[in-house]
N, C-alpha and C. Protein backbone atom coordinates (compact mmCIF):
# COMPACT_ATOMS: atom_id res chain seq x y z
N UNK A 1 167.48 -74.78 54.79
CA UNK A 1 167.58 -73.50 55.47
C UNK A 1 167.42 -72.36 54.47
N UNK A 2 167.99 -72.53 53.29
CA UNK A 2 167.90 -71.49 52.27
C UNK A 2 166.43 -71.24 51.89
N UNK A 3 165.65 -72.33 51.81
CA UNK A 3 164.23 -72.21 51.48
C UNK A 3 163.49 -71.40 52.54
N UNK A 4 163.80 -71.63 53.80
CA UNK A 4 163.18 -70.87 54.88
C UNK A 4 163.54 -69.39 54.80
N UNK A 5 164.79 -69.10 54.46
CA UNK A 5 165.24 -67.72 54.32
C UNK A 5 164.53 -67.03 53.15
N UNK A 6 164.36 -67.76 52.05
CA UNK A 6 163.64 -67.21 50.90
C UNK A 6 162.17 -66.97 51.24
N UNK A 7 161.56 -67.90 51.97
CA UNK A 7 160.16 -67.72 52.39
C UNK A 7 160.02 -66.51 53.30
N UNK A 8 160.95 -66.34 54.22
CA UNK A 8 160.91 -65.18 55.13
C UNK A 8 161.07 -63.89 54.35
N UNK A 9 161.95 -63.89 53.37
CA UNK A 9 162.16 -62.71 52.53
C UNK A 9 160.90 -62.39 51.72
N UNK A 10 160.28 -63.43 51.15
CA UNK A 10 159.04 -63.24 50.40
C UNK A 10 157.93 -62.67 51.30
N UNK A 11 157.85 -63.18 52.52
CA UNK A 11 156.83 -62.71 53.45
C UNK A 11 157.08 -61.25 53.83
N UNK A 12 158.34 -60.90 54.06
CA UNK A 12 158.68 -59.50 54.36
C UNK A 12 158.33 -58.58 53.20
N UNK A 13 158.61 -59.01 51.98
CA UNK A 13 158.24 -58.21 50.80
C UNK A 13 156.72 -58.08 50.71
N UNK A 14 156.00 -59.15 50.98
CA UNK A 14 154.54 -59.11 50.98
C UNK A 14 154.04 -58.08 52.00
N UNK A 15 154.60 -58.11 53.20
CA UNK A 15 154.19 -57.17 54.24
C UNK A 15 154.54 -55.73 53.89
N UNK A 16 155.70 -55.53 53.24
CA UNK A 16 156.06 -54.18 52.79
C UNK A 16 155.03 -53.65 51.80
N UNK A 17 154.61 -54.49 50.86
CA UNK A 17 153.58 -54.09 49.90
C UNK A 17 152.26 -53.83 50.61
N UNK A 18 151.90 -54.72 51.54
CA UNK A 18 150.62 -54.59 52.25
C UNK A 18 150.60 -53.34 53.13
N UNK A 19 151.76 -52.93 53.62
CA UNK A 19 151.83 -51.74 54.47
C UNK A 19 151.38 -50.50 53.70
N UNK A 20 151.60 -50.47 52.42
CA UNK A 20 151.17 -49.33 51.60
C UNK A 20 149.69 -49.41 51.23
N UNK A 21 149.12 -50.59 51.32
CA UNK A 21 147.73 -50.81 50.91
C UNK A 21 146.73 -50.24 51.92
N UNK A 22 145.56 -49.91 51.41
CA UNK A 22 144.46 -49.43 52.26
C UNK A 22 143.92 -50.57 53.13
N UNK A 23 143.07 -50.20 54.07
CA UNK A 23 142.42 -51.21 54.91
C UNK A 23 141.56 -52.12 54.05
N UNK A 24 140.85 -51.56 53.09
CA UNK A 24 140.00 -52.41 52.23
C UNK A 24 140.85 -53.37 51.41
N UNK A 25 142.00 -52.91 50.93
CA UNK A 25 142.89 -53.80 50.18
C UNK A 25 143.46 -54.89 51.08
N UNK A 26 143.78 -54.53 52.32
CA UNK A 26 144.27 -55.54 53.27
C UNK A 26 143.19 -56.58 53.55
N UNK A 27 141.94 -56.14 53.64
CA UNK A 27 140.85 -57.09 53.81
C UNK A 27 140.80 -58.04 52.60
N UNK A 28 140.94 -57.50 51.40
CA UNK A 28 140.95 -58.35 50.20
C UNK A 28 142.06 -59.38 50.26
N UNK A 29 143.24 -58.96 50.74
CA UNK A 29 144.36 -59.90 50.87
C UNK A 29 144.07 -60.94 51.95
N UNK A 30 143.46 -60.51 53.05
CA UNK A 30 143.10 -61.47 54.11
C UNK A 30 142.13 -62.51 53.55
N UNK A 31 141.17 -62.07 52.75
CA UNK A 31 140.22 -63.02 52.16
C UNK A 31 140.91 -63.96 51.17
N UNK A 32 142.00 -63.52 50.55
CA UNK A 32 142.79 -64.43 49.70
C UNK A 32 143.30 -65.60 50.54
N UNK A 33 143.80 -65.30 51.73
CA UNK A 33 144.31 -66.36 52.62
C UNK A 33 143.17 -67.26 53.10
N UNK A 34 142.07 -66.65 53.55
CA UNK A 34 140.93 -67.42 54.06
C UNK A 34 140.39 -68.36 52.98
N UNK A 35 140.22 -67.84 51.78
CA UNK A 35 139.66 -68.66 50.70
C UNK A 35 140.60 -69.77 50.26
N UNK A 36 141.90 -69.50 50.25
CA UNK A 36 142.86 -70.54 49.89
C UNK A 36 142.83 -71.64 50.95
N UNK A 37 142.77 -71.25 52.22
CA UNK A 37 142.71 -72.23 53.31
C UNK A 37 141.45 -73.07 53.19
N UNK A 38 140.31 -72.43 52.94
CA UNK A 38 139.04 -73.16 52.80
C UNK A 38 139.13 -74.15 51.64
N UNK A 39 139.71 -73.74 50.55
CA UNK A 39 139.85 -74.62 49.39
C UNK A 39 140.78 -75.80 49.72
N UNK A 40 141.89 -75.51 50.33
CA UNK A 40 142.87 -76.56 50.64
C UNK A 40 142.29 -77.60 51.59
N UNK A 41 141.44 -77.17 52.52
CA UNK A 41 140.86 -78.09 53.50
C UNK A 41 139.43 -78.49 53.15
N UNK A 42 139.00 -78.15 51.94
CA UNK A 42 137.68 -78.53 51.43
C UNK A 42 136.55 -78.06 52.34
N UNK A 43 136.65 -76.83 52.79
CA UNK A 43 135.59 -76.21 53.59
C UNK A 43 134.70 -75.44 52.62
N UNK A 44 133.45 -75.80 52.56
CA UNK A 44 132.50 -75.16 51.65
C UNK A 44 131.17 -75.01 52.39
N UNK A 45 130.18 -74.49 51.70
CA UNK A 45 128.83 -74.49 52.26
C UNK A 45 128.22 -73.12 52.42
N UNK A 46 126.96 -73.14 52.81
CA UNK A 46 126.17 -71.92 52.90
C UNK A 46 126.70 -70.93 53.93
N UNK A 47 127.18 -71.41 55.06
CA UNK A 47 127.67 -70.52 56.11
C UNK A 47 128.87 -69.72 55.58
N UNK A 48 129.79 -70.40 54.93
CA UNK A 48 130.96 -69.72 54.37
C UNK A 48 130.54 -68.77 53.25
N UNK A 49 129.65 -69.21 52.38
CA UNK A 49 129.17 -68.35 51.29
C UNK A 49 128.51 -67.08 51.82
N UNK A 50 127.72 -67.23 52.87
CA UNK A 50 127.02 -66.08 53.47
C UNK A 50 128.03 -65.13 54.12
N UNK A 51 129.03 -65.67 54.79
CA UNK A 51 130.08 -64.85 55.39
C UNK A 51 130.77 -64.02 54.31
N UNK A 52 131.19 -64.68 53.24
CA UNK A 52 131.86 -63.96 52.15
C UNK A 52 130.97 -62.86 51.59
N UNK A 53 129.73 -63.20 51.30
CA UNK A 53 128.79 -62.25 50.72
C UNK A 53 128.62 -61.03 51.63
N UNK A 54 128.36 -61.28 52.90
CA UNK A 54 128.15 -60.18 53.84
C UNK A 54 129.38 -59.29 53.97
N UNK A 55 130.54 -59.88 54.04
CA UNK A 55 131.75 -59.08 54.21
C UNK A 55 132.03 -58.23 52.96
N UNK A 56 131.86 -58.81 51.79
CA UNK A 56 132.13 -58.06 50.56
C UNK A 56 131.05 -57.03 50.25
N UNK A 57 129.90 -57.13 50.89
CA UNK A 57 128.85 -56.15 50.67
C UNK A 57 128.89 -55.00 51.67
N UNK A 58 130.00 -54.86 52.35
CA UNK A 58 130.14 -53.75 53.28
C UNK A 58 130.00 -52.42 52.54
N UNK A 59 129.23 -51.48 53.09
CA UNK A 59 129.12 -50.16 52.46
C UNK A 59 130.44 -49.39 52.51
N UNK A 60 131.40 -49.90 53.25
CA UNK A 60 132.73 -49.30 53.24
C UNK A 60 133.30 -49.34 51.83
N UNK A 61 132.98 -50.41 51.11
CA UNK A 61 133.51 -50.59 49.76
C UNK A 61 132.78 -49.74 48.73
N UNK A 62 131.47 -49.65 48.85
CA UNK A 62 130.70 -49.00 47.78
C UNK A 62 129.38 -48.47 48.34
N UNK A 63 129.02 -47.28 47.93
CA UNK A 63 127.74 -46.70 48.35
C UNK A 63 126.58 -47.50 47.78
N UNK A 64 126.82 -48.35 46.81
CA UNK A 64 125.76 -49.17 46.21
C UNK A 64 125.18 -50.16 47.22
N UNK A 65 125.89 -50.42 48.31
CA UNK A 65 125.44 -51.41 49.27
C UNK A 65 124.62 -50.83 50.41
N UNK A 66 124.38 -49.53 50.42
CA UNK A 66 123.46 -48.95 51.39
C UNK A 66 124.10 -48.43 52.65
N UNK A 67 123.31 -48.40 53.69
CA UNK A 67 123.64 -47.77 54.95
C UNK A 67 124.61 -48.60 55.78
N UNK A 68 125.69 -47.98 56.23
CA UNK A 68 126.72 -48.68 56.99
C UNK A 68 126.20 -49.18 58.34
N UNK A 69 125.40 -48.39 59.01
CA UNK A 69 124.91 -48.78 60.33
C UNK A 69 124.02 -50.01 60.23
N UNK A 70 123.12 -50.03 59.25
CA UNK A 70 122.24 -51.19 59.05
C UNK A 70 123.05 -52.43 58.72
N UNK A 71 124.03 -52.28 57.84
CA UNK A 71 124.89 -53.42 57.48
C UNK A 71 125.60 -53.95 58.72
N UNK A 72 126.19 -53.05 59.51
CA UNK A 72 126.94 -53.45 60.69
C UNK A 72 126.04 -54.15 61.71
N UNK A 73 124.85 -53.62 61.93
CA UNK A 73 123.94 -54.21 62.91
C UNK A 73 123.47 -55.60 62.50
N UNK A 74 123.42 -55.88 61.21
CA UNK A 74 122.96 -57.19 60.73
C UNK A 74 124.09 -58.18 60.48
N UNK A 75 125.33 -57.73 60.63
CA UNK A 75 126.49 -58.57 60.35
C UNK A 75 126.78 -59.49 61.52
N UNK A 76 127.03 -60.75 61.20
CA UNK A 76 127.44 -61.72 62.21
C UNK A 76 128.83 -62.21 61.85
N UNK A 77 129.73 -62.21 62.83
CA UNK A 77 131.03 -62.81 62.52
C UNK A 77 130.84 -64.30 62.24
N UNK A 78 131.71 -64.84 61.46
CA UNK A 78 131.64 -66.25 61.07
C UNK A 78 131.52 -67.16 62.28
N UNK A 79 132.23 -66.84 63.34
CA UNK A 79 132.24 -67.71 64.51
C UNK A 79 130.88 -67.76 65.20
N UNK A 80 130.00 -66.78 64.95
CA UNK A 80 128.67 -66.79 65.56
C UNK A 80 127.69 -67.68 64.80
N UNK A 81 128.07 -68.13 63.63
CA UNK A 81 127.21 -69.02 62.85
C UNK A 81 127.27 -70.43 63.46
N UNK A 82 126.41 -71.30 63.00
CA UNK A 82 126.38 -72.66 63.53
C UNK A 82 127.54 -73.45 62.94
N UNK A 83 128.66 -73.37 63.60
CA UNK A 83 129.88 -73.97 63.07
C UNK A 83 129.92 -75.47 63.21
N UNK A 84 129.13 -76.03 64.09
CA UNK A 84 129.21 -77.46 64.31
C UNK A 84 128.49 -78.26 63.24
N UNK A 85 127.71 -77.60 62.42
CA UNK A 85 126.94 -78.30 61.40
C UNK A 85 127.80 -78.64 60.20
N UNK A 86 128.07 -79.90 60.03
CA UNK A 86 128.86 -80.33 58.87
C UNK A 86 128.16 -79.99 57.58
N UNK A 87 126.85 -80.09 57.58
CA UNK A 87 126.08 -79.78 56.37
C UNK A 87 126.22 -78.31 56.01
N UNK A 88 126.16 -77.43 57.01
CA UNK A 88 126.25 -75.99 56.76
C UNK A 88 127.60 -75.60 56.20
N UNK A 89 128.66 -76.28 56.62
CA UNK A 89 130.00 -75.93 56.16
C UNK A 89 130.54 -76.89 55.11
N UNK A 90 129.87 -77.95 54.85
CA UNK A 90 130.37 -78.90 53.86
C UNK A 90 131.72 -79.47 54.27
N UNK A 91 131.91 -79.71 55.56
CA UNK A 91 133.20 -80.19 56.03
C UNK A 91 133.47 -81.62 55.58
N UNK A 92 134.70 -81.85 55.26
CA UNK A 92 135.14 -83.18 54.90
C UNK A 92 135.75 -83.82 56.13
N UNK A 93 135.74 -85.12 56.20
CA UNK A 93 136.29 -85.82 57.35
C UNK A 93 137.79 -85.56 57.53
N UNK A 94 138.44 -85.09 56.48
CA UNK A 94 139.88 -84.94 56.52
C UNK A 94 140.35 -83.73 57.32
N UNK A 95 139.47 -82.80 57.68
CA UNK A 95 139.93 -81.63 58.42
C UNK A 95 139.96 -81.92 59.92
N UNK A 96 141.06 -81.57 60.52
CA UNK A 96 141.20 -81.80 61.96
C UNK A 96 140.52 -80.67 62.73
N UNK A 97 140.23 -80.90 63.98
CA UNK A 97 139.62 -79.84 64.79
C UNK A 97 140.59 -78.68 64.95
N UNK A 98 141.89 -78.96 64.96
CA UNK A 98 142.90 -77.90 65.04
C UNK A 98 142.85 -77.02 63.79
N UNK A 99 142.80 -77.65 62.61
CA UNK A 99 142.73 -76.87 61.37
C UNK A 99 141.43 -76.08 61.30
N UNK A 100 140.34 -76.69 61.74
CA UNK A 100 139.07 -75.98 61.73
C UNK A 100 139.13 -74.78 62.68
N UNK A 101 139.74 -74.94 63.83
CA UNK A 101 139.91 -73.83 64.77
C UNK A 101 140.75 -72.72 64.17
N UNK A 102 141.79 -73.09 63.44
CA UNK A 102 142.62 -72.09 62.75
C UNK A 102 141.79 -71.34 61.73
N UNK A 103 140.94 -72.05 61.00
CA UNK A 103 140.10 -71.42 59.98
C UNK A 103 139.15 -70.40 60.61
N UNK A 104 138.50 -70.78 61.69
CA UNK A 104 137.58 -69.87 62.37
C UNK A 104 138.33 -68.64 62.85
N UNK A 105 139.53 -68.83 63.40
CA UNK A 105 140.33 -67.69 63.87
C UNK A 105 140.71 -66.78 62.71
N UNK A 106 141.07 -67.35 61.56
CA UNK A 106 141.42 -66.53 60.39
C UNK A 106 140.22 -65.71 59.91
N UNK A 107 139.03 -66.31 59.91
CA UNK A 107 137.84 -65.56 59.48
C UNK A 107 137.54 -64.45 60.48
N UNK A 108 137.71 -64.72 61.75
CA UNK A 108 137.47 -63.70 62.79
C UNK A 108 138.44 -62.54 62.64
N UNK A 109 139.70 -62.83 62.39
CA UNK A 109 140.70 -61.77 62.20
C UNK A 109 140.40 -60.96 60.94
N UNK A 110 139.91 -61.61 59.88
CA UNK A 110 139.53 -60.89 58.66
C UNK A 110 138.37 -59.95 58.94
N UNK A 111 137.40 -60.44 59.67
CA UNK A 111 136.25 -59.65 60.09
C UNK A 111 136.72 -58.46 60.92
N UNK A 112 137.59 -58.71 61.90
CA UNK A 112 138.10 -57.65 62.76
C UNK A 112 138.92 -56.63 61.97
N UNK A 113 139.69 -57.10 61.00
CA UNK A 113 140.51 -56.21 60.19
C UNK A 113 139.63 -55.16 59.51
N UNK A 114 138.51 -55.60 58.97
CA UNK A 114 137.62 -54.69 58.27
C UNK A 114 136.89 -53.76 59.24
N UNK A 115 136.57 -54.27 60.42
CA UNK A 115 135.72 -53.49 61.33
C UNK A 115 136.48 -52.70 62.40
N UNK A 116 137.76 -52.97 62.61
CA UNK A 116 138.46 -52.33 63.71
C UNK A 116 138.57 -50.81 63.55
N UNK A 117 138.44 -50.29 62.36
CA UNK A 117 138.50 -48.85 62.14
C UNK A 117 137.16 -48.30 61.67
N UNK A 118 136.11 -49.09 61.82
CA UNK A 118 134.80 -48.75 61.27
C UNK A 118 134.28 -47.41 61.77
N UNK A 119 134.37 -47.16 63.06
CA UNK A 119 133.84 -45.93 63.64
C UNK A 119 134.92 -44.96 64.12
N UNK A 120 136.16 -45.36 64.08
CA UNK A 120 137.23 -44.55 64.63
C UNK A 120 138.29 -44.28 63.55
N UNK A 121 139.41 -43.69 63.97
CA UNK A 121 140.50 -43.44 63.04
C UNK A 121 141.00 -44.76 62.47
N UNK A 122 141.45 -44.70 61.25
CA UNK A 122 141.99 -45.88 60.59
C UNK A 122 143.21 -46.39 61.36
N UNK A 123 143.23 -47.67 61.66
CA UNK A 123 144.30 -48.28 62.43
C UNK A 123 145.29 -48.94 61.47
N UNK A 124 146.30 -48.19 61.10
CA UNK A 124 147.28 -48.67 60.12
C UNK A 124 148.01 -49.90 60.64
N UNK A 125 148.62 -49.79 61.80
CA UNK A 125 149.42 -50.89 62.32
C UNK A 125 148.55 -52.07 62.76
N UNK A 126 147.39 -51.79 63.34
CA UNK A 126 146.51 -52.87 63.80
C UNK A 126 145.98 -53.71 62.66
N UNK A 127 145.57 -53.06 61.57
CA UNK A 127 145.04 -53.82 60.43
C UNK A 127 146.16 -54.59 59.73
N UNK A 128 147.35 -54.01 59.69
CA UNK A 128 148.49 -54.73 59.11
C UNK A 128 148.84 -55.95 59.97
N UNK A 129 148.79 -55.79 61.28
CA UNK A 129 149.07 -56.90 62.19
C UNK A 129 148.03 -58.01 62.02
N UNK A 130 146.76 -57.64 61.87
CA UNK A 130 145.72 -58.66 61.65
C UNK A 130 145.97 -59.42 60.35
N UNK A 131 146.33 -58.70 59.29
CA UNK A 131 146.64 -59.37 58.02
C UNK A 131 147.81 -60.33 58.20
N UNK A 132 148.82 -59.90 58.90
CA UNK A 132 149.99 -60.76 59.16
C UNK A 132 149.57 -62.02 59.91
N UNK A 133 148.73 -61.86 60.92
CA UNK A 133 148.27 -63.01 61.70
C UNK A 133 147.41 -63.96 60.86
N UNK A 134 146.57 -63.42 59.98
CA UNK A 134 145.77 -64.27 59.08
C UNK A 134 146.71 -65.11 58.22
N UNK A 135 147.73 -64.46 57.67
CA UNK A 135 148.69 -65.18 56.82
C UNK A 135 149.40 -66.28 57.61
N UNK A 136 149.82 -65.97 58.82
CA UNK A 136 150.54 -66.95 59.64
C UNK A 136 149.63 -68.12 60.04
N UNK A 137 148.37 -67.85 60.28
CA UNK A 137 147.43 -68.91 60.65
C UNK A 137 147.14 -69.81 59.45
N UNK A 138 146.93 -69.20 58.30
CA UNK A 138 146.55 -69.97 57.11
C UNK A 138 147.71 -70.74 56.49
N UNK A 139 148.91 -70.24 56.59
CA UNK A 139 150.12 -70.91 56.09
C UNK A 139 149.99 -71.45 54.66
N UNK A 140 149.70 -70.59 53.70
CA UNK A 140 149.61 -71.09 52.32
C UNK A 140 151.00 -71.45 51.78
N UNK A 141 151.02 -72.29 50.76
CA UNK A 141 152.31 -72.65 50.17
C UNK A 141 152.89 -71.48 49.37
N UNK A 142 152.02 -70.61 48.89
CA UNK A 142 152.43 -69.40 48.16
C UNK A 142 151.65 -68.21 48.71
N UNK A 143 152.25 -67.05 48.65
CA UNK A 143 151.55 -65.83 49.06
C UNK A 143 150.74 -65.28 47.90
N UNK A 144 149.59 -64.69 48.17
CA UNK A 144 148.81 -64.12 47.07
C UNK A 144 149.51 -62.88 46.51
N UNK A 145 149.37 -62.63 45.23
CA UNK A 145 149.94 -61.42 44.65
C UNK A 145 149.25 -60.18 45.23
N UNK A 146 150.03 -59.15 45.49
CA UNK A 146 149.46 -57.90 45.99
C UNK A 146 149.07 -56.94 44.87
N UNK A 147 149.50 -57.23 43.66
CA UNK A 147 149.29 -56.33 42.52
C UNK A 147 147.85 -55.84 42.36
N UNK A 148 146.83 -56.70 42.42
CA UNK A 148 145.46 -56.20 42.20
C UNK A 148 145.00 -55.19 43.26
N UNK A 149 145.66 -55.15 44.40
CA UNK A 149 145.23 -54.32 45.51
C UNK A 149 146.07 -53.05 45.69
N UNK A 150 147.18 -52.94 44.98
CA UNK A 150 148.13 -51.87 45.22
C UNK A 150 147.61 -50.47 44.91
N UNK A 151 146.65 -50.35 44.01
CA UNK A 151 146.17 -49.01 43.65
C UNK A 151 145.37 -48.38 44.78
N UNK A 152 144.91 -49.16 45.73
CA UNK A 152 144.14 -48.67 46.86
C UNK A 152 145.11 -48.52 48.04
N UNK A 153 145.58 -47.30 48.26
CA UNK A 153 146.62 -47.08 49.26
C UNK A 153 146.07 -46.49 50.55
N UNK A 154 146.82 -46.72 51.61
CA UNK A 154 146.44 -46.22 52.93
C UNK A 154 146.45 -44.69 52.97
N UNK A 155 147.22 -44.07 52.11
CA UNK A 155 147.30 -42.60 52.09
C UNK A 155 146.05 -41.96 51.50
N UNK A 156 145.14 -42.75 50.94
CA UNK A 156 143.91 -42.23 50.35
C UNK A 156 142.72 -42.55 51.25
N UNK A 157 141.71 -41.69 51.20
CA UNK A 157 140.44 -41.98 51.87
C UNK A 157 140.55 -42.25 53.36
N UNK A 158 141.41 -41.50 54.05
CA UNK A 158 141.59 -41.68 55.49
C UNK A 158 141.96 -43.12 55.86
N UNK A 159 142.75 -43.77 55.04
CA UNK A 159 143.21 -45.13 55.32
C UNK A 159 142.42 -46.21 54.61
N UNK A 160 141.22 -45.85 54.14
CA UNK A 160 140.35 -46.85 53.50
C UNK A 160 140.60 -46.97 52.00
N UNK A 161 141.36 -46.05 51.44
CA UNK A 161 141.57 -46.05 49.99
C UNK A 161 140.41 -45.36 49.30
N UNK A 162 140.48 -45.24 47.99
CA UNK A 162 139.40 -44.58 47.26
C UNK A 162 138.15 -45.47 47.24
N UNK A 163 136.99 -44.85 47.06
CA UNK A 163 135.76 -45.64 46.86
C UNK A 163 135.96 -46.49 45.62
N UNK A 164 135.64 -47.75 45.74
CA UNK A 164 135.86 -48.67 44.63
C UNK A 164 134.66 -48.69 43.69
N UNK A 165 134.90 -48.62 42.40
CA UNK A 165 133.81 -48.90 41.47
C UNK A 165 133.36 -50.35 41.68
N UNK A 166 132.10 -50.63 41.44
CA UNK A 166 131.55 -51.97 41.65
C UNK A 166 132.32 -53.03 40.85
N UNK A 167 132.75 -52.69 39.65
CA UNK A 167 133.51 -53.65 38.83
C UNK A 167 134.83 -54.04 39.51
N UNK A 168 135.51 -53.07 40.12
CA UNK A 168 136.76 -53.36 40.82
C UNK A 168 136.50 -54.22 42.06
N UNK A 169 135.45 -53.89 42.77
CA UNK A 169 135.08 -54.67 43.96
C UNK A 169 134.78 -56.12 43.59
N UNK A 170 134.03 -56.30 42.53
CA UNK A 170 133.72 -57.67 42.08
C UNK A 170 134.99 -58.40 41.66
N UNK A 171 135.90 -57.67 41.01
CA UNK A 171 137.16 -58.28 40.61
C UNK A 171 137.95 -58.73 41.85
N UNK A 172 138.03 -57.85 42.86
CA UNK A 172 138.74 -58.22 44.09
C UNK A 172 138.16 -59.47 44.70
N UNK A 173 136.84 -59.52 44.78
CA UNK A 173 136.21 -60.69 45.40
C UNK A 173 136.51 -61.95 44.61
N UNK A 174 136.32 -61.89 43.29
CA UNK A 174 136.58 -63.07 42.46
C UNK A 174 138.06 -63.47 42.55
N UNK A 175 138.95 -62.49 42.54
CA UNK A 175 140.37 -62.77 42.66
C UNK A 175 140.66 -63.48 43.98
N UNK A 176 140.07 -62.98 45.07
CA UNK A 176 140.34 -63.58 46.39
C UNK A 176 139.85 -65.03 46.46
N UNK A 177 138.84 -65.35 45.65
CA UNK A 177 138.26 -66.70 45.67
C UNK A 177 138.89 -67.64 44.64
N UNK A 178 139.78 -67.13 43.80
CA UNK A 178 140.32 -67.99 42.73
C UNK A 178 141.84 -67.91 42.54
N UNK A 179 142.54 -66.97 43.15
CA UNK A 179 143.95 -66.76 42.85
C UNK A 179 144.79 -68.02 43.03
N UNK A 180 144.45 -68.83 43.98
CA UNK A 180 145.22 -70.02 44.34
C UNK A 180 145.03 -71.17 43.34
N UNK A 181 144.02 -71.09 42.49
CA UNK A 181 143.77 -72.18 41.55
C UNK A 181 144.93 -72.37 40.57
N UNK A 182 145.66 -71.30 40.29
CA UNK A 182 146.82 -71.39 39.41
C UNK A 182 147.95 -72.20 40.05
N UNK A 183 147.93 -72.32 41.36
CA UNK A 183 148.98 -73.03 42.09
C UNK A 183 148.79 -74.54 42.06
N UNK A 184 147.55 -74.96 41.83
CA UNK A 184 147.24 -76.39 41.85
C UNK A 184 147.65 -77.04 40.54
N UNK A 185 148.22 -78.23 40.62
CA UNK A 185 148.61 -78.91 39.40
C UNK A 185 147.37 -79.24 38.57
N UNK A 186 147.50 -79.10 37.26
CA UNK A 186 146.36 -79.40 36.39
C UNK A 186 146.09 -80.89 36.39
N UNK A 187 144.85 -81.23 36.22
CA UNK A 187 144.43 -82.63 36.25
C UNK A 187 144.17 -83.10 34.82
N UNK A 188 145.26 -83.37 34.10
CA UNK A 188 145.11 -83.79 32.70
C UNK A 188 145.03 -85.28 32.57
């Protein structure tokens, strides 16, 4: 019971930190959960790689990525891709259809988190709720650190945080794809 109480406390602290973060930082945290889940269940492949690439190349993050309308019109949510193709996703036999369904839902919520305020006012509570739902769906053994994302606050840039330099954006993406590797026991 004590362990459950500690986990709940850790989750509440995570949410308190995330509440201060910008929408873009919350998206980065959501991708931390999605990528950890994919790694844990050995989900790989071109479809996932393309989803990650497209989401991180949003012009919301950097003017280097071009026109927002063109990006949005060409963006496909992960669930619209050919999910049944084992080759496309590199699925292992060990993943259950329930876990795969959870994964698709987590990617959809991450997608929605980034896009729900795309044309309208920044949705502080809605994006925080989506991040919370991604975390609950993915159920990692450890929560990702919020430290790399804390400098991008909701109080800046109308909820989106400051425009990120490309180096910071690349760091966020790499961090989201590797943070969980420290949690895995070394194979000596």
